[in-house]
């Protein structure tokens, strides 16, 4: 009994932290600007969207493309971004943001895997549980446009609809019910 219970708990807690695939999730895409003084970067209230590419569900093929030639191609655990865009200068944040619109999933980490843009580092990648952004401020080439690619790994997790404390109470109730049923079964066999 104790061994079965230990295996059950191990599976329960391993499942709670599993990577959720990006396939089937919905993201929105925007090119925009903001300054830190105006309220907090790409996820702050004063983010100014210059171009919105709308929203898309991750699946086969390219999810986003704008008329400047920038694109985003998501797969099950990351995204490949290409940039061919003009950018405004003099802003603390000047780049692309992608918001996760699907409920029940949170972003845990976004890691820079590769880039062709000189000077772009992990410090240019910003994320919250609800989205990620690539800050291209200062990355412009001499003619004022951003050219190149960025490859990112995105770690997500499914979020339980039942809060952990409530789930724990339900689990204990279930265990107590099983124990009571076994006890009743043993007493009826005597």
Protein backbone atom coordinates (compact mmCIF):
# COMPACT_ATOMS: atom_id res chain seq x y z
CA UNK A 1 0.00 0.00 0.00
CA UNK A 2 2.75 2.48 0.96
CA UNK A 3 4.69 1.69 -2.23
CA UNK A 4 1.63 2.29 -4.42
CA UNK A 5 0.93 5.55 -2.62
CA UNK A 6 4.56 6.69 -3.13
CA UNK A 7 4.38 5.94 -6.85
CA UNK A 8 1.04 7.79 -7.08
CA UNK A 9 2.53 10.90 -5.42
CA UNK A 10 5.63 10.81 -7.65
CA UNK A 11 3.51 10.65 -10.80
CA UNK A 12 1.20 13.39 -9.50
CA UNK A 13 4.02 15.85 -8.83
CA UNK A 14 5.97 14.99 -12.00
CA UNK A 15 2.87 15.62 -14.09
CA UNK A 16 2.30 19.01 -12.47
CA UNK A 17 5.60 20.37 -13.77
CA UNK A 18 5.57 18.87 -17.28
CA UNK A 19 6.43 20.99 -20.32
CA UNK A 20 3.33 21.99 -22.26
CA UNK A 21 3.72 21.91 -26.06
CA UNK A 22 3.25 25.18 -27.94
CA UNK A 23 1.26 23.39 -30.67
CA UNK A 24 -2.37 24.50 -30.51
CA UNK A 25 -1.65 27.57 -28.34
CA UNK A 26 -2.72 31.03 -29.48
CA UNK A 27 -0.30 33.99 -29.55
CA UNK A 28 -0.66 37.61 -30.67
CA UNK A 29 2.20 39.53 -32.30
CA UNK A 30 2.99 43.26 -32.22
CA UNK A 31 5.84 45.60 -33.08
CA UNK A 32 5.98 48.50 -30.67
CA UNK A 33 7.80 50.98 -28.48
CA UNK A 34 7.76 52.26 -24.90
CA UNK A 35 10.08 53.87 -22.39
CA UNK A 36 10.74 52.67 -18.85
CA UNK A 37 9.69 56.11 -17.56
CA UNK A 38 6.28 55.59 -19.20
CA UNK A 39 5.48 52.40 -17.37
CA UNK A 40 7.43 49.24 -17.61
CA UNK A 41 8.57 48.01 -20.98
CA UNK A 42 6.72 45.76 -23.41
CA UNK A 43 4.20 44.46 -20.87
CA UNK A 44 3.46 47.82 -19.23
CA UNK A 45 0.29 49.87 -19.69
CA UNK A 46 1.93 52.42 -22.01
CA UNK A 47 3.20 50.04 -24.68
CA UNK A 48 2.55 51.68 -28.06
CA UNK A 49 1.74 49.17 -30.78
CA UNK A 50 3.03 50.33 -34.17
CA UNK A 51 2.07 47.23 -36.15
CA UNK A 52 -0.16 44.37 -35.03
CA UNK A 53 -0.04 41.07 -36.88
CA UNK A 54 -3.16 39.85 -35.05
CA UNK A 55 -3.24 36.43 -33.46
CA UNK A 56 -2.49 32.91 -34.66
CA UNK A 57 -2.70 29.35 -33.39
CA UNK A 58 0.61 27.47 -33.41
CA UNK A 59 0.62 24.69 -36.00
CA UNK A 60 2.36 23.73 -39.24
CA UNK A 61 3.90 26.61 -41.19
CA UNK A 62 4.66 30.21 -40.38
CA UNK A 63 2.32 31.83 -37.83
CA UNK A 64 3.13 35.53 -38.38
CA UNK A 65 4.39 37.66 -41.26
CA UNK A 66 4.11 41.41 -41.74
CA UNK A 67 4.53 43.53 -44.84
CA UNK A 68 8.08 44.55 -43.75
CA UNK A 69 9.30 40.96 -44.07
CA UNK A 70 9.51 40.05 -40.37
CA UNK A 71 8.12 36.64 -39.44
CA UNK A 72 7.60 34.17 -36.60
CA UNK A 73 7.55 30.40 -37.03
CA UNK A 74 6.66 28.52 -33.82
CA UNK A 75 7.15 24.80 -33.21
CA UNK A 76 6.35 22.62 -30.18
CA UNK A 77 9.05 24.11 -27.93
CA UNK A 78 10.27 27.39 -29.43
CA UNK A 79 10.15 30.01 -32.15
CA UNK A 80 12.32 31.14 -35.06
CA UNK A 81 12.00 34.89 -35.68
CA UNK A 82 13.29 36.76 -38.73
CA UNK A 83 13.55 40.54 -38.78
CA UNK A 84 13.63 42.91 -41.73
CA UNK A 85 12.08 45.97 -40.12
CA UNK A 86 12.69 49.64 -39.53
CA UNK A 87 12.72 50.74 -35.88
CA UNK A 88 12.28 54.01 -34.05
CA UNK A 89 15.33 55.08 -32.04
CA UNK A 90 15.50 56.64 -28.60
CA UNK A 91 13.17 54.22 -26.81
CA UNK A 92 13.98 51.85 -23.92
CA UNK A 93 11.91 49.13 -25.55
CA UNK A 94 11.75 48.95 -29.31
CA UNK A 95 10.84 45.57 -30.71
CA UNK A 96 8.43 42.70 -30.97
CA UNK A 97 6.19 41.23 -28.28
CA UNK A 98 4.19 38.02 -28.39
CA UNK A 99 1.35 37.53 -25.91
CA UNK A 100 0.11 34.06 -24.95
CA UNK A 101 -3.68 34.17 -25.36
CA UNK A 102 -4.46 30.54 -24.48
CA UNK A 103 -5.83 29.98 -20.97
CA UNK A 104 -4.40 27.27 -18.74
CA UNK A 105 -0.76 27.67 -19.83
CA UNK A 106 2.05 29.87 -18.47
CA UNK A 107 5.49 30.70 -19.79
CA UNK A 108 8.23 29.65 -17.35
CA UNK A 109 11.34 30.60 -19.33
CA UNK A 110 12.48 31.96 -22.69
CA UNK A 111 16.08 31.28 -23.66
CA UNK A 112 18.09 32.66 -26.56
CA UNK A 113 19.50 29.72 -28.57
CA UNK A 114 20.98 31.50 -31.58
CA UNK A 115 20.98 34.84 -33.38
CA UNK A 116 22.61 36.56 -36.35
CA UNK A 117 22.10 40.04 -34.88
CA UNK A 118 25.32 41.56 -33.52
CA UNK A 119 24.96 42.65 -29.90
CA UNK A 120 21.68 40.82 -29.23
CA UNK A 121 22.00 38.74 -26.03
CA UNK A 122 19.77 37.01 -23.47
CA UNK A 123 19.40 40.44 -21.81
CA UNK A 124 17.36 41.54 -24.86
CA UNK A 125 14.83 38.74 -24.27
CA UNK A 126 12.09 39.73 -21.82
CA UNK A 127 9.30 37.43 -20.62
CA UNK A 128 6.45 37.12 -18.16
CA UNK A 129 4.10 34.20 -17.57
CA UNK A 130 1.84 35.72 -20.24
CA UNK A 131 4.24 36.57 -23.05
CA UNK A 132 7.73 37.29 -24.32
CA UNK A 133 9.46 40.10 -26.18
CA UNK A 134 12.64 40.77 -28.13
CA UNK A 135 14.04 44.23 -27.40
CA UNK A 136 15.86 45.50 -30.46
CA UNK A 137 16.74 48.92 -29.01
CA UNK A 138 20.28 49.72 -30.08
CA UNK A 139 20.50 46.76 -32.49
CA UNK A 140 19.78 48.76 -35.66
CA UNK A 141 22.23 48.67 -38.53
CA UNK A 142 23.53 51.93 -40.06
CA UNK A 143 20.49 52.38 -42.32
CA UNK A 144 18.05 52.18 -39.39
CA UNK A 145 16.61 48.71 -39.89
CA UNK A 146 16.92 45.43 -38.03
CA UNK A 147 18.02 42.46 -40.12
CA UNK A 148 18.63 38.89 -38.99
CA UNK A 149 17.17 35.97 -37.09
CA UNK A 150 16.59 35.01 -33.46
CA UNK A 151 15.92 31.45 -32.28
CA UNK A 152 14.31 31.02 -28.86
CA UNK A 153 13.43 28.03 -26.66
CA UNK A 154 10.21 28.55 -24.72
CA UNK A 155 9.40 26.54 -21.60
CA UNK A 156 5.73 26.43 -20.63
CA UNK A 157 3.62 24.59 -18.12
CA UNK A 158 -0.05 23.75 -17.87
CA UNK A 159 -1.78 25.56 -15.03
CA UNK A 160 -4.26 23.60 -12.95
CA UNK A 161 -7.82 24.89 -12.73
CA UNK A 162 -7.91 23.61 -9.14
CA UNK A 163 -5.63 25.56 -6.80
CA UNK A 164 -2.93 23.42 -5.16
CA UNK A 165 -4.34 23.68 -1.59
CA UNK A 166 -7.78 22.58 -2.84
CA UNK A 167 -6.25 19.77 -4.90
CA UNK A 168 -4.42 18.54 -1.81
CA UNK A 169 -7.70 18.40 0.15
CA UNK A 170 -9.36 16.45 -2.68
CA UNK A 171 -6.41 14.04 -2.80
CA UNK A 172 -6.58 13.41 0.96
CA UNK A 173 -10.35 12.87 0.75
CA UNK A 174 -9.82 10.30 -2.00
CA UNK A 175 -7.14 8.47 -0.03
CA UNK A 176 -9.35 8.42 3.06
CA UNK A 177 -12.24 7.03 0.99
CA UNK A 178 -10.06 4.24 -0.40
CA UNK A 179 -8.79 3.40 3.09
CA UNK A 180 -12.35 3.32 4.47
CA UNK A 181 -13.52 1.05 1.63
CA UNK A 182 -10.63 -1.38 2.22
CA UNK A 183 -11.31 -1.40 5.96
CA UNK A 184 -15.02 -2.08 5.34
CA UNK A 185 -14.12 -4.87 2.89
CA UNK A 186 -11.77 -6.51 5.42
CA UNK A 187 -14.37 -6.34 8.22
CA UNK A 188 -17.06 -7.88 5.97
CA UNK A 189 -14.76 -10.82 5.14
CA UNK A 190 -14.47 -11.85 8.83
